Amino acid sequence: MSRFVAPNLADLGDVPIVVPVDFEEIKASRDDYLIAALSRYGIDYDVSKLETDPQVIAFSEGGGNQEMKFRQRVNEAIRALSLATAIGGDLDHIAATYAGISRLHYDNAADDRPDNAQWDDVLGKWVEQDDIFRARILLAFEAFSTAGPEGAYTFHALELDGKRDIADVAVYSEEDAATYSAGLHADAYSAGLIPNPFTGRNNGDPVLAPEVLVVVLPTVTYGTTNQSLLDRTFQAVTPKDVRPIGDNVRIEPAVVTPYDIEVTLYYAPGVDVSAMAAEAKKRLAAYATSRRRIGLAVQREVIGGRAAVDDNVTVEVTKPVADLEPGSKGVGQVGQIIVHTIQTQGSWQ
């Protein structure tokens, strides 16, 4: 099977039927209507010179404000119906109505916010953030089939047992030229379902059909992959009503490669240094978070681009010393993000 790639909902942008809400445009339109309506009765009414007139205040400004609120409410209602733009409770209703799922939750205390989580006042718990939940809703439709499709295995592994402990999943088979790795894993033997361990699963041995290899990456909050997480994942993707008969599943942890980001920003005089450094660090952190996915490379060129917060900044990337290519079962995990700043000399600006 080829690596499953769900559509990127962010690429869709806003719902096309949503229209911009501009108070000045609404007021001008109501001014024109007021002039036309009064002129029918022979009243020459110049609203541009009577901004304080009660009719202008009540009809054009007061009525325009109410019309603006109404249009905005219509826009919000339209966005609430789309998976790409719905948020909060609207997103929960889409998930429950069309996909039959709900948000995964965390057991953290109220003052201990996990990564990628938001607080649910009704449940009194930390739950999946909108964007994370949105991506999993999209995967849920893959799970309408059994876990034969790659996206279905991904969905069931992410759903786990209702807790958001897995951040990413990769599913491989013989068609991907996948191989096994030695070390921590979960399969039918470790689960006590068969009496003897599998043969042909040493380090570097090929994954052969109908074998399926599921690689999992825990959330930052969960920490390092342990046997418990692998066992829970195996249980999630192998029930009889999930796994197709004949599929032989093995769960392995992603190989985490730690790295640091260190850059130096050379800037011209007059720049707000602290704001510039803070923005660069924010952008670099967002990039590192987005690349914490199985198989994704971390590129020095992109790091430099993200750190260049404006055209007057030159960036030198010190770490990592080379692009990070983690491989099909690997992932890069950022440690420190350090931003140095040095003012250039001799600039006329």
C-alpha atoms as a PDB file:
ATOM      1  CA  MET A   1       0.000   0.000   0.000  1.00  0.00           C
ATOM      2  CA  SER A   2       1.171   3.536  -0.636  1.00  0.00           C
ATOM      3  CA  ARG A   3       1.426   6.026   2.202  1.00  0.00           C
ATOM      4  CA  PHE A   4      -2.052   7.440   2.876  1.00  0.00           C
ATOM      5  CA  VAL A   5      -2.284  11.214   2.486  1.00  0.00           C
ATOM      6  CA  ALA A   6      -5.482  12.939   3.584  1.00  0.00           C
ATOM      7  CA  PRO A   7      -6.520  16.160   1.821  1.00  0.00           C
ATOM      8  CA  ASN A   8      -5.107  19.325   3.389  1.00  0.00           C
ATOM      9  CA  LEU A   9      -8.230  21.203   4.451  1.00  0.00           C
ATOM     10  CA  ALA A  10      -6.225  24.369   5.101  1.00  0.00           C
ATOM     11  CA  ASP A  11      -5.541  24.620   1.361  1.00  0.00           C
ATOM     12  CA  LEU A  12      -9.252  25.091   0.694  1.00  0.00           C
ATOM     13  CA  GLY A  13      -9.323  28.512   2.334  1.00  0.00           C
ATOM     14  CA  ASP A  14     -12.592  30.063   3.467  1.00  0.00           C
ATOM     15  CA  VAL A  15     -15.975  28.832   2.243  1.00  0.00           C
ATOM     16  CA  PRO A  16     -16.573  30.579  -1.130  1.00  0.00           C
ATOM     17  CA  ILE A  17     -20.111  31.709  -0.292  1.00  0.00           C
ATOM     18  CA  VAL A  18     -18.842  33.710   2.701  1.00  0.00           C
ATOM     19  CA  VAL A  19     -18.804  37.434   1.813  1.00  0.00           C
ATOM     20  CA  PRO A  20     -16.676  40.216   3.347  1.00  0.00           C
ATOM     21  CA  VAL A  21     -18.473  42.359   5.934  1.00  0.00           C
ATOM     22  CA  ASP A  22     -17.649  46.059   5.469  1.00  0.00           C
ATOM     23  CA  PHE A  23     -19.517  48.588   7.628  1.00  0.00           C
ATOM     24  CA  GLU A  24     -18.632  51.547   5.398  1.00  0.00           C
ATOM     25  CA  GLU A  25     -19.978  49.715   2.327  1.00  0.00           C
ATOM     26  CA  ILE A  26     -23.200  48.862   4.191  1.00  0.00           C
ATOM     27  CA  LYS A  27     -23.620  52.443   5.468  1.00  0.00           C
ATOM     28  CA  ALA A  28     -23.041  53.914   1.984  1.00  0.00           C
ATOM     29  CA  SER A  29     -25.673  51.593   0.561  1.00  0.00           C
ATOM     30  CA  ARG A  30     -28.180  52.600   3.238  1.00  0.00           C
ATOM     31  CA  ASP A  31     -27.353  56.286   2.658  1.00  0.00           C
ATOM     32  CA  ASP A  32     -28.179  55.849  -1.029  1.00  0.00           C
ATOM     33  CA  TYR A  33     -31.462  54.135  -0.148  1.00  0.00           C
ATOM     34  CA  LEU A  34     -32.383  56.904   2.303  1.00  0.00           C
ATOM     35  CA  ILE A  35     -31.690  59.599  -0.325  1.00  0.00           C
ATOM     36  CA  ALA A  36     -33.727  57.748  -2.955  1.00  0.00           C
ATOM     37  CA  ALA A  37     -36.634  57.102  -0.601  1.00  0.00           C
ATOM     38  CA  LEU A  38     -36.890  60.748   0.516  1.00  0.00           C
ATOM     39  CA  SER A  39     -36.498  62.091  -3.025  1.00  0.00           C
ATOM     40  CA  ARG A  40     -39.724  60.298  -3.999  1.00  0.00           C
ATOM     41  CA  TYR A  41     -41.483  62.737  -1.705  1.00  0.00           C
ATOM     42  CA  GLY A  42     -39.623  65.769  -3.050  1.00  0.00           C
ATOM     43  CA  ILE A  43     -37.146  65.957  -0.177  1.00  0.00           C
ATOM     44  CA  ASP A  44     -33.606  66.763  -1.244  1.00  0.00           C
ATOM     45  CA  TYR A  45     -31.593  65.084   1.497  1.00  0.00           C
ATOM     46  CA  ASP A  46     -27.793  65.345   1.486  1.00  0.00           C
ATOM     47  CA  VAL A  47     -26.667  62.731   3.985  1.00  0.00           C
ATOM     48  CA  SER A  48     -22.962  63.484   3.440  1.00  0.00           C
ATOM     49  CA  LYS A  49     -23.456  66.881   5.103  1.00  0.00           C
ATOM     50  CA  LEU A  50     -25.772  65.639   7.816  1.00  0.00           C
ATOM     51  CA  GLU A  51     -23.749  62.956   9.595  1.00  0.00           C
ATOM     52  CA  THR A  52     -25.266  64.005  12.951  1.00  0.00           C
ATOM     53  CA  ASP A  53     -28.838  63.979  11.656  1.00  0.00           C
ATOM     54  CA  PRO A  54     -31.039  61.569  13.670  1.00  0.00           C
ATOM     55  CA  GLN A  55     -32.225  59.829  10.486  1.00  0.00           C
ATOM     56  CA  VAL A  56     -28.655  59.179   9.390  1.00  0.00           C
ATOM     57  CA  ILE A  57     -27.669  57.941  12.850  1.00  0.00           C
ATOM     58  CA  ALA A  58     -30.737  55.723  13.213  1.00  0.00           C
ATOM     59  CA  PHE A  59     -31.101  54.383   9.672  1.00  0.00           C
ATOM     60  CA  SER A  60     -27.637  54.401   8.122  1.00  0.00           C
ATOM     61  CA  GLU A  61     -25.381  53.925  11.140  1.00  0.00           C
ATOM     62  CA  GLY A  62     -27.633  52.125  13.638  1.00  0.00           C
ATOM     63  CA  GLY A  63     -29.333  50.004  10.995  1.00  0.00           C
ATOM     64  CA  GLY A  64     -26.011  49.423   9.252  1.00  0.00           C
ATOM     65  CA  ASN A  65     -24.474  48.122  12.461  1.00  0.00           C
ATOM     66  CA  GLN A  66     -27.321  45.638  12.913  1.00  0.00           C
ATOM     67  CA  GLU A  67     -27.047  44.557   9.276  1.00  0.00           C
ATOM     68  CA  MET A  68     -23.300  44.057   9.708  1.00  0.00           C
ATOM     69  CA  LYS A  69     -23.903  41.820  12.743  1.00  0.00           C
ATOM     70  CA  PHE A  70     -26.494  39.837  10.820  1.00  0.00           C
ATOM     71  CA  ARG A  71     -24.179  39.307   7.843  1.00  0.00           C
ATOM     72  CA  GLN A  72     -21.395  38.212  10.179  1.00  0.00           C
ATOM     73  CA  ARG A  73     -23.730  35.763  11.873  1.00  0.00           C
ATOM     74  CA  VAL A  74     -24.674  34.314   8.470  1.00  0.00           C
ATOM     75  CA  ASN A  75     -20.976  33.909   7.624  1.00  0.00           C
ATOM     76  CA  GLU A  76     -20.365  32.144  10.923  1.00  0.00           C
ATOM     77  CA  ALA A  77     -23.311  29.824  10.322  1.00  0.00           C
ATOM     78  CA  ILE A  78     -21.960  28.933   6.875  1.00  0.00           C
ATOM     79  CA  ARG A  79     -18.484  28.220   8.261  1.00  0.00           C
ATOM     80  CA  ALA A  80     -20.001  26.056  10.999  1.00  0.00           C
ATOM     81  CA  LEU A  81     -21.287  23.621   8.360  1.00  0.00           C
ATOM     82  CA  SER A  82     -17.893  22.974   6.760  1.00  0.00           C
ATOM     83  CA  LEU A  83     -15.316  20.571   8.199  1.00  0.00           C
ATOM     84  CA  ALA A  84     -12.566  22.887   6.966  1.00  0.00           C
ATOM     85  CA  THR A  85     -13.784  25.939   8.913  1.00  0.00           C
ATOM     86  CA  ALA A  86     -15.982  24.743  11.806  1.00  0.00           C
ATOM     87  CA  ILE A  87     -14.618  25.242  15.319  1.00  0.00           C
ATOM     88  CA  GLY A  88     -15.534  24.289  18.867  1.00  0.00           C
ATOM     89  CA  GLY A  89     -18.962  22.813  19.391  1.00  0.00           C
ATOM     90  CA  ASP A  90     -19.819  23.074  15.687  1.00  0.00           C
ATOM     91  CA  LEU A  91     -16.870  20.806  14.902  1.00  0.00           C
ATOM     92  CA  ASP A  92     -18.037  18.378  17.609  1.00  0.00           C
ATOM     93  CA  HIS A  93     -21.469  18.175  15.976  1.00  0.00           C
ATOM     94  CA  ILE A  94     -19.987  17.493  12.523  1.00  0.00           C
ATOM     95  CA  ALA A  95     -17.848  14.715  14.010  1.00  0.00           C
ATOM     96  CA  ALA A  96     -20.737  13.108  15.865  1.00  0.00           C
ATOM     97  CA  THR A  97     -23.261  13.459  13.030  1.00  0.00           C
ATOM     98  CA  TYR A  98     -21.211  12.356  10.038  1.00  0.00           C
ATOM     99  CA  ALA A  99     -18.254  10.402  11.444  1.00  0.00           C
ATOM    100  CA  GLY A 100     -19.647   9.042  14.719  1.00  0.00           C
ATOM    101  CA  ILE A 101     -16.635  10.082  16.781  1.00  0.00           C
ATOM    102  CA  SER A 102     -15.821  12.541  19.558  1.00  0.00           C
ATOM    103  CA  ARG A 103     -12.696  14.310  20.721  1.00  0.00           C
ATOM    104  CA  LEU A 104      -9.985  12.376  22.503  1.00  0.00           C
ATOM    105  CA  HIS A 105      -9.177  13.616  25.986  1.00  0.00           C
ATOM    106  CA  TYR A 106      -6.196  14.031  28.300  1.00  0.00           C
ATOM    107  CA  ASP A 107      -6.060  13.212  32.007  1.00  0.00           C
ATOM    108  CA  ASN A 108      -3.925  16.250  32.823  1.00  0.00           C
ATOM    109  CA  ALA A 109      -5.004  18.578  35.597  1.00  0.00           C
ATOM    110  CA  ALA A 110      -6.623  21.892  34.692  1.00  0.00           C
ATOM    111  CA  ASP A 111      -3.392  23.806  35.343  1.00  0.00           C
ATOM    112  CA  ASP A 112      -1.279  21.361  33.296  1.00  0.00           C
ATOM    113  CA  ARG A 113      -2.084  22.012  29.645  1.00  0.00           C
ATOM    114  CA  PRO A 114      -0.806  19.329  27.234  1.00  0.00           C
ATOM    115  CA  ASP A 115       0.501  20.170  23.779  1.00  0.00           C
ATOM    116  CA  ASN A 116      -2.175  20.513  21.071  1.00  0.00           C
ATOM    117  CA  ALA A 117      -5.004  20.610  23.606  1.00  0.00           C
ATOM    118  CA  GLN A 118      -7.848  22.949  24.501  1.00  0.00           C
ATOM    119  CA  TRP A 119     -10.026  23.090  27.599  1.00  0.00           C
ATOM    120  CA  ASP A 120     -13.606  21.760  27.427  1.00  0.00           C
ATOM    121  CA  ASP A 121     -15.783  23.517  30.018  1.00  0.00           C
ATOM    122  CA  VAL A 122     -18.566  20.937  29.715  1.00  0.00           C
ATOM    123  CA  LEU A 123     -16.349  17.893  30.262  1.00  0.00           C
ATOM    124  CA  GLY A 124     -13.957  19.702  32.570  1.00  0.00           C
ATOM    125  CA  LYS A 125     -11.049  18.137  30.677  1.00  0.00           C
ATOM    126  CA  TRP A 126      -8.321  18.935  28.208  1.00  0.00           C
ATOM    127  CA  VAL A 127      -9.367  17.653  24.781  1.00  0.00           C
ATOM    128  CA  GLU A 128      -7.954  17.586  21.250  1.00  0.00           C
ATOM    129  CA  GLN A 129      -7.364  20.964  19.672  1.00  0.00           C
ATOM    130  CA  ASP A 130      -9.665  21.850  16.772  1.00  0.00           C
ATOM    131  CA  ASP A 131      -7.052  21.350  14.028  1.00  0.00           C
ATOM    132  CA  ILE A 132      -5.923  17.977  15.418  1.00  0.00           C
ATOM    133  CA  PHE A 133      -9.522  16.795  15.788  1.00  0.00           C
ATOM    134  CA  ARG A 134     -10.387  18.079  12.295  1.00  0.00           C
ATOM    135  CA  ALA A 135      -7.660  15.914  10.740  1.00  0.00           C
ATOM    136  CA  ARG A 136      -8.867  12.847  12.627  1.00  0.00           C
ATOM    137  CA  ILE A 137     -12.483  13.425  11.541  1.00  0.00           C
ATOM    138  CA  LEU A 138     -11.272  13.303   7.946  1.00  0.00           C
ATOM    139  CA  LEU A 139      -9.569   9.983   8.646  1.00  0.00           C
ATOM    140  CA  ALA A 140     -12.692   8.565  10.296  1.00  0.00           C
ATOM    141  CA  PHE A 141     -14.353   8.042   6.927  1.00  0.00           C
ATOM    142  CA  GLU A 142     -11.499   5.688   6.013  1.00  0.00           C
ATOM    143  CA  ALA A 143     -12.504   3.609   9.028  1.00  0.00           C
ATOM    144  CA  PHE A 144     -15.993   2.968   7.656  1.00  0.00           C
ATOM    145  CA  SER A 145     -14.188   0.073   6.015  1.00  0.00           C
ATOM    146  CA  THR A 146     -12.176  -2.371   8.106  1.00  0.00           C
ATOM    147  CA  ALA A 147      -8.559  -1.509   8.801  1.00  0.00           C
ATOM    148  CA  GLY A 148      -7.480  -2.827   5.415  1.00  0.00           C
ATOM    149  CA  PRO A 149      -7.032   0.655   3.886  1.00  0.00           C
ATOM    150  CA  GLU A 150      -3.986   2.518   5.117  1.00  0.00           C
ATOM    151  CA  GLY A 151      -6.074   5.451   6.314  1.00  0.00           C
ATOM    152  CA  ALA A 152      -8.221   3.098   8.396  1.00  0.00           C
ATOM    153  CA  TYR A 153      -5.227   1.639  10.220  1.00  0.00           C
ATOM    154  CA  THR A 154      -4.042   5.205  10.812  1.00  0.00           C
ATOM    155  CA  PHE A 155      -7.417   6.262  12.201  1.00  0.00           C
ATOM    156  CA  HIS A 156      -7.787   3.321  14.587  1.00  0.00           C
ATOM    157  CA  ALA A 157      -4.241   3.768  15.879  1.00  0.00           C
ATOM    158  CA  LEU A 158      -4.759   7.506  16.465  1.00  0.00           C
ATOM    159  CA  GLU A 159      -8.075   6.901  18.185  1.00  0.00           C
ATOM    160  CA  LEU A 160      -6.383   4.357  20.434  1.00  0.00           C
ATOM    161  CA  ASP A 161      -8.581   3.840  23.517  1.00  0.00           C
ATOM    162  CA  GLY A 162      -9.927   7.372  23.691  1.00  0.00           C
ATOM    163  CA  LYS A 163      -6.782   9.121  24.888  1.00  0.00           C
ATOM    164  CA  ARG A 164      -4.653  11.427  22.797  1.00  0.00           C
ATOM    165  CA  ASP A 165      -1.323   9.639  23.319  1.00  0.00           C
ATOM    166  CA  ILE A 166      -0.281   9.110  19.676  1.00  0.00           C
ATOM    167  CA  ALA A 167       0.750  12.059  17.522  1.00  0.00           C
ATOM    168  CA  ASP A 168       1.435  10.342  14.196  1.00  0.00           C
ATOM    169  CA  VAL A 169       1.126   6.967  12.499  1.00  0.00           C
ATOM    170  CA  ALA A 170       2.746   5.434   9.416  1.00  0.00           C
ATOM    171  CA  VAL A 171       1.460   2.210   7.853  1.00  0.00           C
ATOM    172  CA  TYR A 172       3.663   0.102   5.585  1.00  0.00           C
ATOM    173  CA  SER A 173       3.492  -3.209   3.748  1.00  0.00           C
ATOM    174  CA  GLU A 174       5.456  -5.230   1.214  1.00  0.00           C
ATOM    175  CA  GLU A 175       4.607  -2.749  -1.558  1.00  0.00           C
ATOM    176  CA  ASP A 176       6.505  -0.056   0.355  1.00  0.00           C
ATOM    177  CA  ALA A 177       9.649  -2.206   0.550  1.00  0.00           C
ATOM    178  CA  ALA A 178       9.299  -1.898   4.308  1.00  0.00           C
ATOM    179  CA  THR A 179      11.586  -3.731   6.708  1.00  0.00           C
ATOM    180  CA  TYR A 180      11.434  -4.668  10.369  1.00  0.00           C
ATOM    181  CA  SER A 181      13.570  -3.160  13.114  1.00  0.00           C
ATOM    182  CA  ALA A 182      14.930  -4.943  16.153  1.00  0.00           C
ATOM    183  CA  GLY A 183      13.782  -3.840  19.580  1.00  0.00           C
ATOM    184  CA  LEU A 184      10.516  -2.812  21.157  1.00  0.00           C
ATOM    185  CA  HIS A 185       7.397  -4.005  19.311  1.00  0.00           C
ATOM    186  CA  ALA A 186       3.946  -5.516  19.721  1.00  0.00           C
ATOM    187  CA  ASP A 187       2.415  -8.353  17.710  1.00  0.00           C
ATOM    188  CA  ALA A 188       0.265 -11.446  18.101  1.00  0.00           C
ATOM    189  CA  TYR A 189       3.042 -13.247  20.010  1.00  0.00           C
ATOM    190  CA  SER A 190       3.675 -10.433  22.511  1.00  0.00           C
ATOM    191  CA  ALA A 191      -0.102 -10.206  23.017  1.00  0.00           C
ATOM    192  CA  GLY A 192      -0.225 -13.930  23.884  1.00  0.00           C
ATOM    193  CA  LEU A 193      -2.349 -14.865  20.889  1.00  0.00           C
ATOM    194  CA  ILE A 194       0.139 -17.387  19.439  1.00  0.00           C
ATOM    195  CA  PRO A 195       2.530 -19.721  21.292  1.00  0.00           C
ATOM    196  CA  ASN A 196       5.728 -19.042  19.340  1.00  0.00           C
ATOM    197  CA  PRO A 197       7.411 -15.847  18.106  1.00  0.00           C
ATOM    198  CA  PHE A 198       7.365 -15.019  14.401  1.00  0.00           C
ATOM    199  CA  THR A 199      10.330 -15.940  12.229  1.00  0.00           C
ATOM    200  CA  GLY A 200      11.786 -13.666   9.565  1.00  0.00           C
ATOM    201  CA  ARG A 201      11.349 -10.530  11.616  1.00  0.00           C
ATOM    202  CA  ASN A 202      14.910  -9.735  12.515  1.00  0.00           C
ATOM    203  CA  ASN A 203      16.406  -6.328  11.932  1.00  0.00           C
ATOM    204  CA  GLY A 204      16.248  -5.526   8.215  1.00  0.00           C
ATOM    205  CA  ASP A 205      13.986  -8.442   7.263  1.00  0.00           C
ATOM    206  CA  PRO A 206      11.330  -7.443   4.701  1.00  0.00           C
ATOM    207  CA  VAL A 207       7.669  -6.995   5.533  1.00  0.00           C
ATOM    208  CA  LEU A 208       5.892  -9.600   3.393  1.00  0.00           C
ATOM    209  CA  ALA A 209       2.178  -9.655   2.557  1.00  0.00           C
ATOM    210  CA  PRO A 210      -0.176 -10.088   4.344  1.00  0.00           C
ATOM    211  CA  GLU A 211       2.020  -8.535   7.030  1.00  0.00           C
ATOM    212  CA  VAL A 212       1.305  -4.920   7.985  1.00  0.00           C
ATOM    213  CA  LEU A 213       3.782  -2.731   9.856  1.00  0.00           C
ATOM    214  CA  VAL A 214       2.337   0.144  11.884  1.00  0.00           C
ATOM    215  CA  VAL A 215       4.843   2.727  13.147  1.00  0.00           C
ATOM    216  CA  VAL A 216       3.673   5.054  15.911  1.00  0.00           C
ATOM    217  CA  LEU A 217       4.959   8.304  17.381  1.00  0.00           C
ATOM    218  CA  PRO A 218       3.727   9.349  20.844  1.00  0.00           C
ATOM    219  CA  THR A 219       2.726  12.896  21.665  1.00  0.00           C
ATOM    220  CA  VAL A 220       5.281  15.152  23.324  1.00  0.00           C
ATOM    221  CA  THR A 221       3.128  15.036  26.451  1.00  0.00           C
ATOM    222  CA  TYR A 222       3.207  11.224  26.561  1.00  0.00           C
ATOM    223  CA  GLY A 223       6.984  11.095  26.263  1.00  0.00           C
ATOM    224  CA  THR A 224       9.054   8.128  25.157  1.00  0.00           C
ATOM    225  CA  THR A 225       7.379   5.137  23.519  1.00  0.00           C
ATOM    226  CA  ASN A 226       7.026   2.201  25.908  1.00  0.00           C
ATOM    227  CA  GLN A 227       5.662  -1.326  25.659  1.00  0.00           C
ATOM    228  CA  SER A 228       2.334  -0.251  27.111  1.00  0.00           C
ATOM    229  CA  LEU A 229       1.699   2.206  24.269  1.00  0.00           C
ATOM    230  CA  LEU A 230       2.602  -0.397  21.638  1.00  0.00           C
ATOM    231  CA  ASP A 231       0.333  -2.982  23.278  1.00  0.00           C
ATOM    232  CA  ARG A 232      -2.558  -0.504  23.400  1.00  0.00           C
ATOM    233  CA  THR A 233      -2.026   0.315  19.725  1.00  0.00           C
ATOM    234  CA  PHE A 234      -2.005  -3.375  18.799  1.00  0.00           C
ATOM    235  CA  GLN A 235      -5.293  -3.852  20.648  1.00  0.00           C
ATOM    236  CA  ALA A 236      -6.777  -0.829  18.858  1.00  0.00           C
ATOM    237  CA  VAL A 237      -6.029  -2.012  15.308  1.00  0.00           C
ATOM    238  CA  THR A 238      -6.531  -5.793  15.569  1.00  0.00           C
ATOM    239  CA  PRO A 239     -10.067  -6.563  16.865  1.00  0.00           C
ATOM    240  CA  LYS A 240     -12.062  -8.842  14.574  1.00  0.00           C
ATOM    241  CA  ASP A 241     -14.422  -6.011  13.637  1.00  0.00           C
ATOM    242  CA  VAL A 242     -11.450  -3.817  12.656  1.00  0.00           C
ATOM    243  CA  ARG A 243      -8.671  -5.945  11.161  1.00  0.00           C
ATOM    244  CA  PRO A 244      -9.353  -7.901   7.973  1.00  0.00           C
ATOM    245  CA  ILE A 245      -8.938 -11.658   8.347  1.00  0.00           C
ATOM    246  CA  GLY A 246      -5.427 -12.561   7.221  1.00  0.00           C
ATOM    247  CA  ASP A 247      -3.714  -9.269   8.026  1.00  0.00           C
ATOM    248  CA  ASN A 248      -0.769  -9.896  10.343  1.00  0.00           C
ATOM    249  CA  VAL A 249      -0.011  -6.682  12.203  1.00  0.00           C
ATOM    250  CA  ARG A 250       3.129  -5.583  14.026  1.00  0.00           C
ATOM    251  CA  ILE A 251       3.531  -2.303  15.891  1.00  0.00           C
ATOM    252  CA  GLU A 252       6.894  -0.563  16.148  1.00  0.00           C
ATOM    253  CA  PRO A 253       7.952   2.798  17.615  1.00  0.00           C
ATOM    254  CA  ALA A 254       9.201   5.574  15.393  1.00  0.00           C
ATOM    255  CA  VAL A 255      12.938   6.168  15.661  1.00  0.00           C
ATOM    256  CA  VAL A 256      13.317   9.622  17.212  1.00  0.00           C
ATOM    257  CA  THR A 257      16.335  11.719  16.231  1.00  0.00           C
ATOM    258  CA  PRO A 258      16.848  14.725  18.509  1.00  0.00           C
ATOM    259  CA  TYR A 259      18.217  17.950  17.061  1.00  0.00           C
ATOM    260  CA  ASP A 260      18.635  21.584  18.043  1.00  0.00           C
ATOM    261  CA  ILE A 261      18.018  24.729  16.045  1.00  0.00           C
ATOM    262  CA  GLU A 262      20.523  27.563  16.385  1.00  0.00           C
ATOM    263  CA  VAL A 263      20.561  30.609  14.137  1.00  0.00           C
ATOM    264  CA  THR A 264      22.192  34.019  14.094  1.00  0.00           C
ATOM    265  CA  LEU A 265      20.255  37.030  12.801  1.00  0.00           C
ATOM    266  CA  TYR A 266      22.328  39.887  11.364  1.00  0.00           C
ATOM    267  CA  TYR A 267      20.201  43.024  11.418  1.00  0.00           C
ATOM    268  CA  ALA A 268      20.441  46.685  10.439  1.00  0.00           C
ATOM    269  CA  PRO A 269      20.389  49.502  13.040  1.00  0.00           C
ATOM    270  CA  GLY A 270      16.952  50.633  14.133  1.00  0.00           C
ATOM    271  CA  VAL A 271      15.384  47.184  14.373  1.00  0.00           C
ATOM    272  CA  ASP A 272      13.452  46.162  17.488  1.00  0.00           C
ATOM    273  CA  VAL A 273      15.824  43.328  18.379  1.00  0.00           C
ATOM    274  CA  SER A 274      13.759  41.634  21.079  1.00  0.00           C
ATOM    275  CA  ALA A 275      10.612  41.576  18.945  1.00  0.00           C
ATOM    276  CA  MET A 276      12.577  40.316  15.940  1.00  0.00           C
ATOM    277  CA  ALA A 277      14.205  37.494  17.915  1.00  0.00           C
ATOM    278  CA  ALA A 278      10.909  36.509  19.530  1.00  0.00           C
ATOM    279  CA  GLU A 279       9.144  36.339  16.164  1.00  0.00           C
ATOM    280  CA  ALA A 280      11.970  34.278  14.655  1.00  0.00           C
ATOM    281  CA  LYS A 281      11.860  31.837  17.562  1.00  0.00           C
ATOM    282  CA  LYS A 282       8.078  31.571  17.259  1.00  0.00           C
ATOM    283  CA  ARG A 283       8.317  30.751  13.551  1.00  0.00           C
ATOM    284  CA  LEU A 284      11.076  28.215  14.102  1.00  0.00           C
ATOM    285  CA  ALA A 285       9.084  26.487  16.835  1.00  0.00           C
ATOM    286  CA  ALA A 286       6.071  26.264  14.531  1.00  0.00           C
ATOM    287  CA  TYR A 287       8.227  24.753  11.773  1.00  0.00           C
ATOM    288  CA  ALA A 288       9.744  22.188  14.143  1.00  0.00           C
ATOM    289  CA  THR A 289       6.288  21.214  15.376  1.00  0.00           C
ATOM    290  CA  SER A 290       4.973  20.790  11.830  1.00  0.00           C
ATOM    291  CA  ARG A 291       7.923  18.516  10.939  1.00  0.00           C
ATOM    292  CA  ARG A 292       7.421  16.228  13.932  1.00  0.00           C
ATOM    293  CA  ARG A 293       5.838  13.671  11.640  1.00  0.00           C
ATOM    294  CA  ILE A 294       7.117  10.245  10.681  1.00  0.00           C
ATOM    295  CA  GLY A 295       9.327  10.390   7.586  1.00  0.00           C
ATOM    296  CA  LEU A 296       9.467  14.188   7.219  1.00  0.00           C
ATOM    297  CA  ALA A 297      12.817  15.886   6.668  1.00  0.00           C
ATOM    298  CA  VAL A 298      14.012  18.982   8.524  1.00  0.00           C
ATOM    299  CA  GLN A 299      15.731  21.331   6.074  1.00  0.00           C
ATOM    300  CA  ARG A 300      18.299  24.013   6.891  1.00  0.00           C
ATOM    301  CA  GLU A 301      17.115  26.124   3.958  1.00  0.00           C
ATOM    302  CA  VAL A 302      13.605  26.280   5.378  1.00  0.00           C
ATOM    303  CA  ILE A 303      14.947  27.036   8.855  1.00  0.00           C
ATOM    304  CA  GLY A 304      16.801  30.024   7.414  1.00  0.00           C
ATOM    305  CA  GLY A 305      13.705  31.189   5.572  1.00  0.00           C
ATOM    306  CA  ARG A 306      11.519  30.979   8.663  1.00  0.00           C
ATOM    307  CA  ALA A 307      14.066  32.881  10.755  1.00  0.00           C
ATOM    308  CA  ALA A 308      14.296  35.749   8.236  1.00  0.00           C
ATOM    309  CA  VAL A 309      11.488  37.804   9.699  1.00  0.00           C
ATOM    310  CA  ASP A 310      11.958  40.705   7.240  1.00  0.00           C
ATOM    311  CA  ASP A 311      14.041  41.786   4.251  1.00  0.00           C
ATOM    312  CA  ASN A 312      16.635  43.557   6.411  1.00  0.00           C
ATOM    313  CA  VAL A 313      17.722  40.380   8.201  1.00  0.00           C
ATOM    314  CA  THR A 314      20.447  37.971   7.086  1.00  0.00           C
ATOM    315  CA  VAL A 315      20.360  34.515   8.643  1.00  0.00           C
ATOM    316  CA  GLU A 316      23.172  32.092   9.422  1.00  0.00           C
ATOM    317  CA  VAL A 317      22.047  28.585  10.412  1.00  0.00           C
ATOM    318  CA  THR A 318      24.477  26.933  12.836  1.00  0.00           C
ATOM    319  CA  LYS A 319      22.349  23.943  13.875  1.00  0.00           C
ATOM    320  CA  PRO A 320      21.472  21.507  12.545  1.00  0.00           C
ATOM    321  CA  VAL A 321      24.732  21.219  10.630  1.00  0.00           C
ATOM    322  CA  ALA A 322      22.993  19.293   7.826  1.00  0.00           C
ATOM    323  CA  ASP A 323      19.463  18.507   6.686  1.00  0.00           C
ATOM    324  CA  LEU A 324      17.829  15.873   8.865  1.00  0.00           C
ATOM    325  CA  GLU A 325      16.561  12.908   6.829  1.00  0.00           C
ATOM    326  CA  PRO A 326      14.941  10.592   9.389  1.00  0.00           C
ATOM    327  CA  GLY A 327      13.883   7.833   6.978  1.00  0.00           C
ATOM    328  CA  SER A 328      10.500   6.168   6.566  1.00  0.00           C
ATOM    329  CA  LYS A 329      10.308   5.115  10.220  1.00  0.00           C
ATOM    330  CA  GLY A 330      12.118   8.065  11.758  1.00  0.00           C
ATOM    331  CA  VAL A 331      11.188  11.485  13.037  1.00  0.00           C
ATOM    332  CA  GLY A 332      13.109  14.571  14.103  1.00  0.00           C
ATOM    333  CA  GLN A 333      12.324  16.026  17.519  1.00  0.00           C
ATOM    334  CA  VAL A 334      13.570  19.508  18.319  1.00  0.00           C
ATOM    335  CA  GLY A 335      15.282  20.269  21.606  1.00  0.00           C
ATOM    336  CA  GLN A 336      16.623  23.790  22.054  1.00  0.00           C
ATOM    337  CA  ILE A 337      15.810  26.673  19.735  1.00  0.00           C
ATOM    338  CA  ILE A 338      18.448  29.395  20.099  1.00  0.00           C
ATOM    339  CA  VAL A 339      18.358  32.735  18.282  1.00  0.00           C
ATOM    340  CA  HIS A 340      21.427  34.996  18.387  1.00  0.00           C
ATOM    341  CA  THR A 341      21.325  38.590  17.140  1.00  0.00           C
ATOM    342  CA  ILE A 342      24.200  40.681  15.777  1.00  0.00           C
ATOM    343  CA  GLN A 343      23.918  44.233  14.439  1.00  0.00           C
ATOM    344  CA  THR A 344      25.613  44.821  11.101  1.00  0.00           C
ATOM    345  CA  GLN A 345      28.103  47.670  10.905  1.00  0.00           C
ATOM    346  CA  GLY A 346      28.374  50.454   8.371  1.00  0.00           C
ATOM    347  CA  SER A 347      24.777  50.432   7.166  1.00  0.00           C
ATOM    348  CA  TRP A 348      23.530  53.811   5.974  1.00  0.00           C
ATOM    349  CA  GLN A 349      19.938  53.006   6.914  1.00  0.00           C
END
